[in-house]
């Protein structure tokens, strides 16, 4: 049985692993940017939560 030889075509020099790594870096960077953008609001919410008594304030704030 003969095997058909494929004609060599110009391939990209980027492997699949490199593409996955680049995508992971991109998604990680976007997640970090979103976290840093939302951090002041989270800190504000935590301060309000602590001022109202946290978990112990069940009786005061139904």
N, C-alpha and C. Protein backbone atom coordinates (compact mmCIF):
# COMPACT_ATOMS: atom_id res chain seq x y z
N UNK A 1 0.83 -1.17 0.00
CA UNK A 1 0.00 0.00 0.00
C UNK A 1 0.89 1.25 0.00
N UNK A 2 0.63 2.13 -0.89
CA UNK A 2 1.43 3.34 -0.99
C UNK A 2 0.86 4.44 -0.10
N UNK A 3 1.75 5.16 0.47
CA UNK A 3 1.33 6.33 1.24
C UNK A 3 1.43 7.55 0.35
N UNK A 4 0.44 8.38 0.45
CA UNK A 4 0.48 9.62 -0.31
C UNK A 4 1.30 10.64 0.47
N UNK A 5 2.27 11.17 -0.18
CA UNK A 5 3.06 12.21 0.47
C UNK A 5 2.37 13.55 0.27
N UNK A 6 2.29 14.25 1.37
CA UNK A 6 1.66 15.57 1.28
C UNK A 6 2.67 16.58 0.76
N UNK A 7 2.17 17.48 0.00
CA UNK A 7 3.03 18.56 -0.47
C UNK A 7 3.32 19.49 0.71
N UNK A 8 4.55 19.86 0.87
CA UNK A 8 4.91 20.74 1.98
C UNK A 8 4.33 22.13 1.74
N UNK A 9 3.66 22.61 2.76
CA UNK A 9 3.10 23.96 2.68
C UNK A 9 3.79 24.81 3.73
N UNK A 10 3.68 26.08 3.56
CA UNK A 10 4.28 27.00 4.54
C UNK A 10 3.44 26.96 5.81
N UNK A 11 4.05 26.51 6.90
CA UNK A 11 3.35 26.42 8.17
C UNK A 11 3.78 27.55 9.08
N UNK A 12 2.89 27.87 9.96
CA UNK A 12 3.21 28.89 10.95
C UNK A 12 4.25 28.34 11.92
N UNK A 13 5.08 29.20 12.43
CA UNK A 13 6.12 28.78 13.35
C UNK A 13 5.61 28.69 14.79
N UNK A 14 4.32 28.93 15.01
CA UNK A 14 3.75 28.91 16.35
C UNK A 14 3.09 27.56 16.58
N UNK A 15 3.49 26.90 17.66
CA UNK A 15 2.91 25.59 17.96
C UNK A 15 1.62 25.76 18.76
N UNK A 16 0.89 24.68 18.89
CA UNK A 16 -0.36 24.72 19.65
C UNK A 16 -0.14 25.05 21.11
N UNK A 17 0.96 24.54 21.65
CA UNK A 17 1.27 24.81 23.07
C UNK A 17 1.54 26.30 23.28
N UNK A 18 2.21 26.92 22.33
CA UNK A 18 2.49 28.35 22.45
C UNK A 18 1.21 29.17 22.35
N UNK A 19 0.28 28.73 21.51
CA UNK A 19 -1.00 29.42 21.38
C UNK A 19 -1.77 29.31 22.69
N UNK A 20 -1.79 28.11 23.29
CA UNK A 20 -2.49 27.93 24.57
C UNK A 20 -1.86 28.78 25.66
N UNK A 21 -0.55 28.85 25.69
CA UNK A 21 0.14 29.66 26.68
C UNK A 21 -0.20 31.14 26.50
N UNK A 22 -0.22 31.59 25.25
CA UNK A 22 -0.56 32.99 24.98
C UNK A 22 -1.99 33.29 25.40
N UNK A 23 -2.91 32.36 25.15
CA UNK A 23 -4.29 32.56 25.56
C UNK A 23 -4.41 32.59 27.08
N UNK A 24 -3.67 31.72 27.77
CA UNK A 24 -3.71 31.70 29.23
C UNK A 24 -3.17 33.01 29.80
N UNK A 25 -2.11 33.53 29.21
CA UNK A 25 -1.56 34.81 29.66
C UNK A 25 -2.57 35.93 29.43
N UNK A 26 -3.23 35.92 28.30
CA UNK A 26 -4.22 36.95 27.98
C UNK A 26 -5.39 36.90 28.95
N UNK A 27 -5.93 35.72 29.19
CA UNK A 27 -7.06 35.58 30.11
C UNK A 27 -6.64 35.95 31.53
N UNK A 28 -5.45 35.55 31.94
CA UNK A 28 -4.95 35.91 33.27
C UNK A 28 -4.78 37.41 33.42
N UNK A 29 -4.28 38.05 32.40
CA UNK A 29 -4.13 39.50 32.43
C UNK A 29 -5.46 40.22 32.51
N UNK A 30 -6.44 39.73 31.76
CA UNK A 30 -7.78 40.33 31.82
C UNK A 30 -8.41 40.14 33.19
N UNK A 31 -8.24 38.94 33.77
CA UNK A 31 -8.80 38.68 35.10
C UNK A 31 -8.13 39.58 36.15
N UNK A 32 -6.82 39.75 36.05
CA UNK A 32 -6.11 40.61 36.99
C UNK A 32 -6.56 42.06 36.85
N UNK A 33 -6.75 42.52 35.62
CA UNK A 33 -7.21 43.88 35.38
C UNK A 33 -8.59 44.09 35.98
N UNK A 34 -9.49 43.14 35.77
CA UNK A 34 -10.84 43.24 36.32
C UNK A 34 -10.80 43.25 37.84
N UNK A 35 -9.98 42.39 38.44
CA UNK A 35 -9.87 42.34 39.90
C UNK A 35 -9.36 43.67 40.45
N UNK A 36 -8.33 44.23 39.83
CA UNK A 36 -7.78 45.50 40.31
C UNK A 36 -8.77 46.64 40.13
N UNK A 37 -9.57 46.58 39.07
CA UNK A 37 -10.57 47.62 38.85
C UNK A 37 -11.68 47.55 39.89
N UNK A 38 -12.06 46.35 40.30
CA UNK A 38 -13.15 46.17 41.26
C UNK A 38 -12.69 46.22 42.72
N UNK A 39 -11.40 46.22 42.98
CA UNK A 39 -10.88 46.15 44.34
C UNK A 39 -11.37 47.29 45.24
N UNK A 40 -11.39 48.55 44.80
CA UNK A 40 -11.89 49.61 45.70
C UNK A 40 -13.34 49.39 46.14
N UNK A 41 -14.18 48.90 45.25
CA UNK A 41 -15.57 48.63 45.62
C UNK A 41 -15.69 47.50 46.61
N UNK A 42 -14.86 46.47 46.46
CA UNK A 42 -14.87 45.34 47.39
C UNK A 42 -14.41 45.80 48.77
N UNK A 43 -13.38 46.62 48.82
CA UNK A 43 -12.90 47.14 50.10
C UNK A 43 -13.98 47.98 50.77
N UNK A 44 -14.67 48.79 50.01
CA UNK A 44 -15.76 49.61 50.56
C UNK A 44 -16.87 48.74 51.13
N UNK A 45 -17.25 47.70 50.39
CA UNK A 45 -18.29 46.79 50.88
C UNK A 45 -17.85 46.07 52.15
N UNK A 46 -16.59 45.67 52.24
CA UNK A 46 -16.10 45.02 53.46
C UNK A 46 -16.13 45.97 54.65
N UNK A 47 -15.79 47.23 54.43
CA UNK A 47 -15.84 48.21 55.52
C UNK A 47 -17.26 48.40 56.01
N UNK A 48 -18.22 48.49 55.09
CA UNK A 48 -19.63 48.63 55.48
C UNK A 48 -20.08 47.39 56.24
N UNK A 49 -19.68 46.22 55.78
CA UNK A 49 -20.04 44.96 56.43
C UNK A 49 -19.51 44.91 57.86
N UNK A 50 -18.27 45.35 58.04
CA UNK A 50 -17.69 45.35 59.40
C UNK A 50 -18.36 46.38 60.29
N UNK A 51 -18.73 47.54 59.73
CA UNK A 51 -19.38 48.58 60.53
C UNK A 51 -20.76 48.14 61.01
N UNK A 52 -21.46 47.35 60.21
CA UNK A 52 -22.80 46.91 60.59
C UNK A 52 -22.78 45.70 61.50
N UNK A 53 -21.64 45.16 61.83
CA UNK A 53 -21.55 44.08 62.79
C UNK A 53 -21.23 42.73 62.20
N UNK A 54 -21.19 42.60 60.91
CA UNK A 54 -20.84 41.32 60.28
C UNK A 54 -21.86 40.24 60.56
N UNK A 55 -21.39 39.04 60.86
CA UNK A 55 -22.29 37.91 61.09
C UNK A 55 -23.07 38.03 62.39
N UNK A 56 -22.55 38.81 63.35
CA UNK A 56 -23.21 38.92 64.65
C UNK A 56 -24.41 39.85 64.62
N UNK A 57 -24.68 40.51 63.51
CA UNK A 57 -25.73 41.52 63.45
C UNK A 57 -27.07 40.96 63.00
N UNK A 58 -27.30 39.67 63.14
CA UNK A 58 -28.55 39.06 62.67
C UNK A 58 -29.76 39.67 63.36
N UNK A 59 -29.64 39.97 64.65
CA UNK A 59 -30.79 40.50 65.39
C UNK A 59 -31.07 41.95 65.04
N UNK A 60 -30.04 42.70 64.72
CA UNK A 60 -30.22 44.13 64.44
C UNK A 60 -30.74 44.41 63.04
N UNK A 61 -30.31 43.62 62.08
CA UNK A 61 -30.69 43.85 60.68
C UNK A 61 -31.31 42.58 60.12
N UNK A 62 -32.64 42.49 60.18
CA UNK A 62 -33.29 41.25 59.70
C UNK A 62 -33.19 41.08 58.20
